[in-house]
Protein backbone atom coordinates (compact mmCIF):
# COMPACT_ATOMS: atom_id res chain seq x y z
CA MET A 1 -64.20 5.76 56.70
CA LYS A 2 -64.12 2.04 55.93
CA LYS A 3 -61.92 0.75 53.12
CA ALA A 4 -61.97 -2.59 51.33
CA GLU A 5 -59.73 -4.02 48.64
CA ILE A 6 -60.45 -6.48 45.87
CA LYS A 7 -57.43 -8.27 44.45
CA LEU A 8 -57.50 -9.99 41.06
CA THR A 9 -54.71 -12.35 40.05
CA ILE A 10 -54.42 -13.43 36.43
CA GLU A 11 -52.04 -16.21 35.37
CA LEU A 12 -51.19 -15.98 31.66
CA ASP A 13 -49.68 -18.45 29.22
CA ASP A 14 -46.79 -17.57 26.89
CA GLU A 15 -49.21 -15.82 24.52
CA ASN A 16 -50.84 -13.75 27.32
CA VAL A 17 -54.04 -15.82 27.32
CA PRO A 18 -55.51 -16.23 30.82
CA GLU A 19 -55.09 -19.72 32.26
CA ASN A 20 -56.22 -18.98 35.81
CA ILE A 21 -58.13 -16.13 37.42
CA THR A 22 -58.48 -15.76 41.18
CA TRP A 23 -59.95 -13.02 43.30
CA GLU A 24 -60.00 -12.11 46.96
CA SER A 25 -61.54 -9.38 49.06
CA SER A 26 -60.31 -7.80 52.26
CA ASP A 27 -63.98 -7.60 53.31
CA GLY A 28 -64.85 -11.19 52.32
CA LYS A 29 -65.88 -14.13 54.45
CA THR A 30 -62.76 -16.09 53.50
CA SER A 31 -59.15 -14.98 53.32
CA GLU A 32 -58.27 -17.38 50.51
CA ALA A 33 -58.19 -16.52 46.83
CA LEU A 34 -61.24 -17.90 45.02
CA PRO A 35 -61.15 -19.18 41.42
CA ALA A 36 -63.12 -17.62 38.57
CA LYS A 37 -63.34 -18.51 34.88
CA ALA A 38 -64.16 -15.01 33.62
CA LEU A 39 -64.39 -11.40 34.70
CA MET A 40 -65.78 -8.14 33.38
CA LEU A 41 -64.57 -4.99 35.06
CA ALA A 42 -65.90 -1.57 34.06
CA LEU A 43 -64.77 1.74 35.52
CA TRP A 44 -66.18 5.16 34.69
CA ASP A 45 -63.52 7.75 33.89
CA HIS A 46 -65.16 11.03 34.91
CA GLN A 47 -62.41 13.17 33.41
CA TYR A 48 -62.67 11.70 29.90
CA LYS A 49 -66.35 10.68 30.14
CA ASN A 50 -65.79 7.12 29.00
CA THR A 51 -65.72 3.56 30.28
CA LEU A 52 -62.51 1.69 30.96
CA ARG A 53 -63.01 -2.06 30.62
CA ILE A 54 -61.20 -5.30 31.23
CA ASP A 55 -62.88 -8.47 29.93
CA LEU A 56 -60.99 -11.71 30.51
CA TRP A 57 -61.85 -15.40 30.45
CA THR A 58 -59.81 -18.54 30.83
CA LYS A 59 -59.20 -21.13 28.14
CA GLU A 60 -61.51 -23.52 30.01
CA MET A 61 -64.55 -21.19 30.03
CA PRO A 62 -67.22 -23.17 28.13
CA LEU A 63 -69.63 -21.34 25.83
CA ASP A 64 -72.71 -22.36 27.85
CA GLU A 65 -71.21 -20.82 31.01
CA MET A 66 -70.15 -17.71 29.06
CA ALA A 67 -73.73 -17.33 27.79
CA ARG A 68 -75.06 -17.62 31.35
CA PHE A 69 -72.42 -15.11 32.53
CA PHE A 70 -73.52 -12.60 29.87
CA TYR A 71 -77.20 -13.14 30.63
CA GLU A 72 -76.74 -12.60 34.36
CA THR A 73 -74.46 -9.59 33.78
CA LEU A 74 -77.03 -7.92 31.52
CA GLN A 75 -79.80 -8.60 34.05
CA THR A 76 -77.81 -7.18 36.96
CA MET A 77 -76.79 -4.14 34.91
CA GLY A 78 -80.52 -3.47 34.49
CA ASP A 79 -81.06 -3.85 38.24
CA THR A 80 -78.23 -1.41 38.95
CA PHE A 81 -79.54 1.17 36.49
CA ILE A 82 -83.06 1.01 37.97
CA ARG A 83 -81.63 1.62 41.47
CA ALA A 84 -79.47 4.48 40.17
CA ALA A 85 -82.37 6.08 38.25
CA GLY A 86 -84.45 6.31 41.43
CA GLY A 87 -87.87 5.67 39.89
CA ASP A 88 -87.38 7.49 36.59
CA LYS A 89 -90.21 6.18 34.37
CA ILE A 90 -88.23 6.38 31.11
CA ALA A 91 -85.35 4.43 32.67
CA GLU A 92 -87.79 1.77 33.89
CA ALA A 93 -89.29 1.47 30.39
CA VAL A 94 -85.88 1.15 28.76
CA ILE A 95 -84.83 -1.50 31.26
CA GLY A 96 -88.04 -3.34 30.43
CA ASP A 97 -86.76 -3.45 26.84
CA LEU A 98 -83.42 -4.76 28.11
CA ARG A 99 -85.24 -7.49 30.05
CA ASP A 100 -87.09 -8.47 26.86
CA TYR A 101 -83.74 -8.71 25.07
CA CYS A 102 -82.33 -10.80 27.93
CA ASP A 103 -85.23 -13.23 27.48
CA HIS A 104 -84.48 -13.37 23.74
CA PHE A 105 -80.75 -13.90 24.42
CA ALA A 106 -81.49 -16.66 26.94
CA GLU A 107 -83.77 -18.43 24.48
CA LYS A 108 -81.32 -18.21 21.56
CA MET A 109 -78.32 -19.25 23.68
CA ASP A 110 -80.29 -21.95 25.53
CA VAL A 111 -79.57 -20.42 28.92
CA ALA A 112 -81.55 -22.04 31.74
CA VAL A 113 -83.37 -19.20 33.49
CA LYS A 114 -84.96 -19.39 36.94
CA LYS A 115 -88.39 -17.76 36.85
């Protein structure tokens, strides 16, 4: 069995606000830690049937980049759910609604979207 590790390093100021976020992967193409301005980590707790989340962003994360980050995260969550649903027609319809919302979000937040 293959194993891989992802390491997140968060540097905090005196008030525990993230100043720097870096990440590295044992399975990555580079061995150096790479910078990031924000992260969203979600884990499913099977025992308690709920989601454990960590959402962090640095002081320097501008709103336009945060909007793009949210847009892309919502889009990829839809992609993931479609793959997991394996062709379920109701899931596909619901994700269509999510895509419509993503378009609305992008328009309201002035997110440049590649079509």
